[in-house]
Amino acid sequence: MTVRKEFDRGLGEMQTLLAEMGDRVERALAEAMDALESLNAIKARKIVKADLELNRLEERVTDLGAKLLATQQPVAKDLRRILAAFKIASDLERMGDLAVDIAKVVLRLEGQTLIKPLIDLPRMGEIVRVMIGDAVQSFVQENVDLAYKMAKDDDLVDALYSQIIRELLTIMVEDPKTISQATLLSFVGRYIERIADHATNIGESTVYLVTGSRPDLNA
């Protein structure tokens, strides 16, 4: 196998690992939101347990990238691709942690009844779930337009988060007995908003890969 073919094989394996991480994060977020809507503690515990595999995938990306750096000594775009993969793997791992944080809220709410039907939180969750897939695909396809779409989606998520906080504050003022649960639901909104931020980070990594400069899509 020639040096270039071996290098391309390594890059392809890194992309496959990142795509698997993205799929797992999408699934974790979707299942965490489903567990929240039904207050399903059994499903929440499965999400917490599954996070270990995501951590292992991040380690594989890091190990493979380090091997490529040491043995192939890449330059220019090849080097940027590996550095971007490191950053993306870190973002995806953190997104998985935040999905676990949502699941842990479900465990803290076990045995309770929701103070209100959840509408905007699931909407946020679905927008961000799509963002995760788009973000990873933007990197794999080197699609700068898809990367910049992250900024618009993130603005929509931020607007929904602000709306949710206002509504929860109103509920707490009207009925102080709701404060504990409303606070936990506000945490969920914050966790989803942070996942969106990490998705925009991946978009930034895509632009960095293609252009050599990193924009601020969270501005």
Protein backbone atom coordinates (compact mmCIF):
# COMPACT_ATOMS: atom_id res chain seq x y z
CA MET A 1 0.00 0.00 0.00
CA THR A 2 1.41 3.39 -0.97
CA VAL A 3 1.86 6.09 1.65
CA ARG A 4 -0.99 8.16 0.18
CA LYS A 5 -3.37 5.23 0.06
CA GLU A 6 -2.56 4.35 3.65
CA PHE A 7 -3.13 7.95 4.69
CA ASP A 8 -6.44 8.14 2.81
CA ARG A 9 -7.53 4.89 4.45
CA GLY A 10 -6.78 6.38 7.86
CA LEU A 11 -8.72 9.55 7.04
CA GLY A 12 -11.64 7.50 5.83
CA GLU A 13 -11.66 5.50 9.05
CA MET A 14 -11.68 8.73 11.06
CA GLN A 15 -14.67 9.99 9.10
CA THR A 16 -16.48 6.69 9.68
CA LEU A 17 -15.84 6.96 13.43
CA LEU A 18 -17.08 10.56 13.51
CA ALA A 19 -20.22 9.58 11.59
CA GLU A 20 -20.87 6.80 14.10
CA MET A 21 -20.39 9.25 16.95
CA GLY A 22 -22.84 11.64 15.30
CA ASP A 23 -25.43 8.88 14.89
CA ARG A 24 -25.06 7.92 18.54
CA VAL A 25 -25.43 11.50 19.72
CA GLU A 26 -28.53 12.02 17.56
CA ARG A 27 -30.04 8.86 19.00
CA ALA A 28 -29.11 9.76 22.57
CA LEU A 29 -30.73 13.19 22.28
CA ALA A 30 -33.90 11.82 20.66
CA GLU A 31 -34.22 9.11 23.30
CA ALA A 32 -33.49 11.54 26.13
CA MET A 33 -36.26 13.86 24.95
CA ASP A 34 -38.64 10.92 24.57
CA ALA A 35 -37.76 9.79 28.07
CA LEU A 36 -38.42 13.31 29.35
CA GLU A 37 -41.85 13.58 27.73
CA SER A 38 -42.91 10.27 29.27
CA LEU A 39 -40.72 10.53 32.39
CA ASN A 40 -39.39 7.08 31.51
CA ALA A 41 -36.62 6.35 34.02
CA ILE A 42 -35.78 2.98 32.45
CA LYS A 43 -34.98 4.60 29.12
CA ALA A 44 -33.05 7.37 30.89
CA ARG A 45 -30.80 4.84 32.62
CA LYS A 46 -30.02 3.16 29.29
CA ILE A 47 -28.91 6.52 27.87
CA VAL A 48 -26.55 7.09 30.78
CA LYS A 49 -25.05 3.62 30.39
CA ALA A 50 -24.60 3.93 26.60
CA ASP A 51 -22.40 7.04 26.95
CA LEU A 52 -19.34 4.89 27.65
CA GLU A 53 -19.24 3.71 24.03
CA LEU A 54 -19.21 7.31 22.77
CA ASN A 55 -16.18 7.99 24.97
CA ARG A 56 -14.43 4.98 23.48
CA LEU A 57 -15.12 6.20 19.95
CA GLU A 58 -13.59 9.59 20.76
CA GLU A 59 -10.48 7.81 22.04
CA ARG A 60 -10.26 5.84 18.78
CA VAL A 61 -10.43 9.04 16.74
CA THR A 62 -7.71 10.61 18.88
CA ASP A 63 -5.47 7.54 18.69
CA LEU A 64 -5.89 7.19 14.92
CA GLY A 65 -5.27 10.89 14.32
CA ALA A 66 -2.17 10.83 16.49
CA LYS A 67 -0.85 7.84 14.54
CA LEU A 68 -1.41 9.63 11.24
CA LEU A 69 0.35 12.74 12.50
CA ALA A 70 3.32 10.71 13.70
CA THR A 71 3.73 8.44 10.68
CA GLN A 72 2.52 10.56 7.75
CA GLN A 73 3.55 14.09 8.80
CA PRO A 74 0.65 15.73 6.92
CA VAL A 75 0.69 19.37 5.86
CA ALA A 76 -1.83 21.96 4.63
CA LYS A 77 -5.38 20.61 4.20
CA ASP A 78 -4.48 17.09 5.30
CA LEU A 79 -3.20 18.47 8.59
CA ARG A 80 -6.31 20.64 9.00
CA ARG A 81 -8.50 17.59 8.41
CA ILE A 82 -6.91 15.72 11.29
CA LEU A 83 -6.96 18.73 13.63
CA ALA A 84 -10.61 19.36 12.74
CA ALA A 85 -11.43 15.70 13.42
CA PHE A 86 -9.92 16.01 16.91
CA LYS A 87 -12.10 19.05 17.63
CA ILE A 88 -15.24 17.46 16.18
CA ALA A 89 -14.76 14.28 18.20
CA SER A 90 -14.43 16.41 21.34
CA ASP A 91 -17.59 18.37 20.46
CA LEU A 92 -19.55 15.18 19.81
CA GLU A 93 -18.39 13.62 23.07
CA ARG A 94 -19.52 16.72 24.96
CA MET A 95 -22.86 16.64 23.15
CA GLY A 96 -23.28 13.07 24.35
CA ASP A 97 -22.54 14.19 27.90
CA LEU A 98 -25.27 16.83 27.61
CA ALA A 99 -27.77 14.23 26.38
CA VAL A 100 -26.85 12.21 29.47
CA ASP A 101 -27.49 15.31 31.59
CA ILE A 102 -31.02 15.44 30.15
CA ALA A 103 -31.48 11.77 31.04
CA LYS A 104 -30.32 12.49 34.59
CA VAL A 105 -33.01 15.18 34.87
CA VAL A 106 -35.54 12.49 33.96
CA LEU A 107 -34.21 10.35 36.81
CA ARG A 108 -34.58 13.27 39.23
CA LEU A 109 -38.19 13.71 38.08
CA GLU A 110 -39.03 10.02 38.49
CA GLY A 111 -42.42 9.58 40.13
CA GLN A 112 -43.56 13.15 39.40
CA THR A 113 -46.14 14.49 36.97
CA LEU A 114 -45.06 17.15 34.49
CA ILE A 115 -46.24 20.62 35.48
CA LYS A 116 -47.25 21.29 31.86
CA PRO A 117 -47.33 19.52 28.49
CA LEU A 118 -43.94 19.87 26.83
CA ILE A 119 -44.10 21.68 23.49
CA ASP A 120 -41.13 23.97 22.92
CA LEU A 121 -38.54 21.72 24.56
CA PRO A 122 -39.29 18.85 22.13
CA ARG A 123 -39.23 21.39 19.27
CA MET A 124 -35.79 22.52 20.39
CA GLY A 125 -34.67 18.93 20.68
CA GLU A 126 -35.78 18.05 17.15
CA ILE A 127 -34.12 21.11 15.60
CA VAL A 128 -30.88 20.28 17.38
CA ARG A 129 -31.10 16.59 16.47
CA VAL A 130 -31.18 17.60 12.79
CA MET A 131 -28.33 20.05 13.41
CA ILE A 132 -26.14 17.22 14.69
CA GLY A 133 -26.59 15.22 11.49
CA ASP A 134 -26.13 18.29 9.30
CA ALA A 135 -22.98 19.28 11.18
CA VAL A 136 -21.29 15.92 10.70
CA GLN A 137 -22.33 15.76 7.05
CA SER A 138 -20.96 19.26 6.46
CA PHE A 139 -17.56 17.96 7.52
CA VAL A 140 -17.71 14.68 5.62
CA GLN A 141 -18.89 16.42 2.44
CA GLU A 142 -16.80 19.59 2.99
CA ASN A 143 -20.05 21.50 2.54
CA VAL A 144 -19.47 25.09 3.68
CA ASP A 145 -23.06 26.16 2.93
CA LEU A 146 -24.37 23.44 5.25
CA ALA A 147 -21.83 24.53 7.85
CA TYR A 148 -23.05 28.12 7.76
CA LYS A 149 -26.65 26.89 8.09
CA MET A 150 -25.69 25.98 11.66
CA ALA A 151 -25.65 29.67 12.59
CA LYS A 152 -29.27 30.20 11.46
CA ASP A 153 -30.45 27.05 13.20
CA ASP A 154 -28.63 28.08 16.37
CA ASP A 155 -30.43 31.44 16.37
CA LEU A 156 -33.77 29.62 16.22
CA VAL A 157 -32.76 27.39 19.12
CA ASP A 158 -31.68 30.42 21.17
CA ALA A 159 -35.04 32.10 20.53
CA LEU A 160 -36.94 29.01 21.66
CA TYR A 161 -34.77 28.73 24.76
CA SER A 162 -35.52 32.33 25.73
CA GLN A 163 -39.23 31.68 25.22
CA ILE A 164 -39.09 28.57 27.40
CA ILE A 165 -37.33 30.40 30.22
CA ARG A 166 -39.92 33.18 30.17
CA GLU A 167 -42.75 30.67 30.33
CA LEU A 168 -41.18 28.67 33.16
CA LEU A 169 -40.54 31.83 35.18
CA THR A 170 -44.20 32.77 34.81
CA ILE A 171 -45.27 29.32 36.03
CA MET A 172 -42.93 29.54 39.05
CA VAL A 173 -44.26 32.96 40.03
CA GLU A 174 -47.86 31.79 39.77
CA ASP A 175 -47.26 28.57 41.73
CA PRO A 176 -44.14 28.35 43.92
CA LYS A 177 -44.65 24.58 44.32
CA THR A 178 -43.51 24.21 40.69
CA ILE A 179 -40.13 25.85 41.27
CA SER A 180 -38.13 22.64 41.67
CA GLN A 181 -39.43 20.95 38.52
CA ALA A 182 -39.49 24.15 36.49
CA THR A 183 -35.85 24.72 37.37
CA LEU A 184 -34.94 21.23 36.17
CA LEU A 185 -36.83 21.80 32.92
CA SER A 186 -34.93 25.05 32.43
CA PHE A 187 -31.73 23.03 32.82
CA VAL A 188 -32.92 20.76 29.99
CA GLY A 189 -33.39 23.81 27.79
CA ARG A 190 -29.88 24.92 28.63
CA TYR A 191 -28.45 21.48 27.82
CA ILE A 192 -30.17 21.43 24.41
CA GLU A 193 -28.97 24.96 23.70
CA ARG A 194 -25.41 23.89 24.53
CA ILE A 195 -25.66 20.91 22.17
CA ALA A 196 -26.64 23.35 19.42
CA ASP A 197 -23.55 25.42 20.23
CA HIS A 198 -21.37 22.36 19.81
CA ALA A 199 -23.06 21.62 16.47
CA THR A 200 -22.13 25.12 15.29
CA ASN A 201 -18.59 24.42 16.48
CA ILE A 202 -18.51 21.49 14.07
CA GLY A 203 -19.68 23.83 11.33
CA GLU A 204 -16.78 26.11 12.20
CA SER A 205 -14.41 23.15 11.92
CA THR A 206 -15.77 22.42 8.44
CA VAL A 207 -15.11 25.99 7.31
CA TYR A 208 -11.64 25.77 8.84
CA LEU A 209 -10.97 22.57 6.91
CA VAL A 210 -12.04 24.05 3.57
CA THR A 211 -10.74 27.62 3.89
CA GLY A 212 -7.99 27.50 6.50
CA SER A 213 -9.72 30.07 8.74
CA ARG A 214 -12.25 29.51 11.52
CA PRO A 215 -15.37 31.74 11.65
CA ASP A 216 -17.47 32.42 14.74
CA LEU A 217 -20.87 30.86 13.98
CA ASN A 218 -22.03 31.34 17.58
CA ALA A 219 -21.84 35.13 17.35
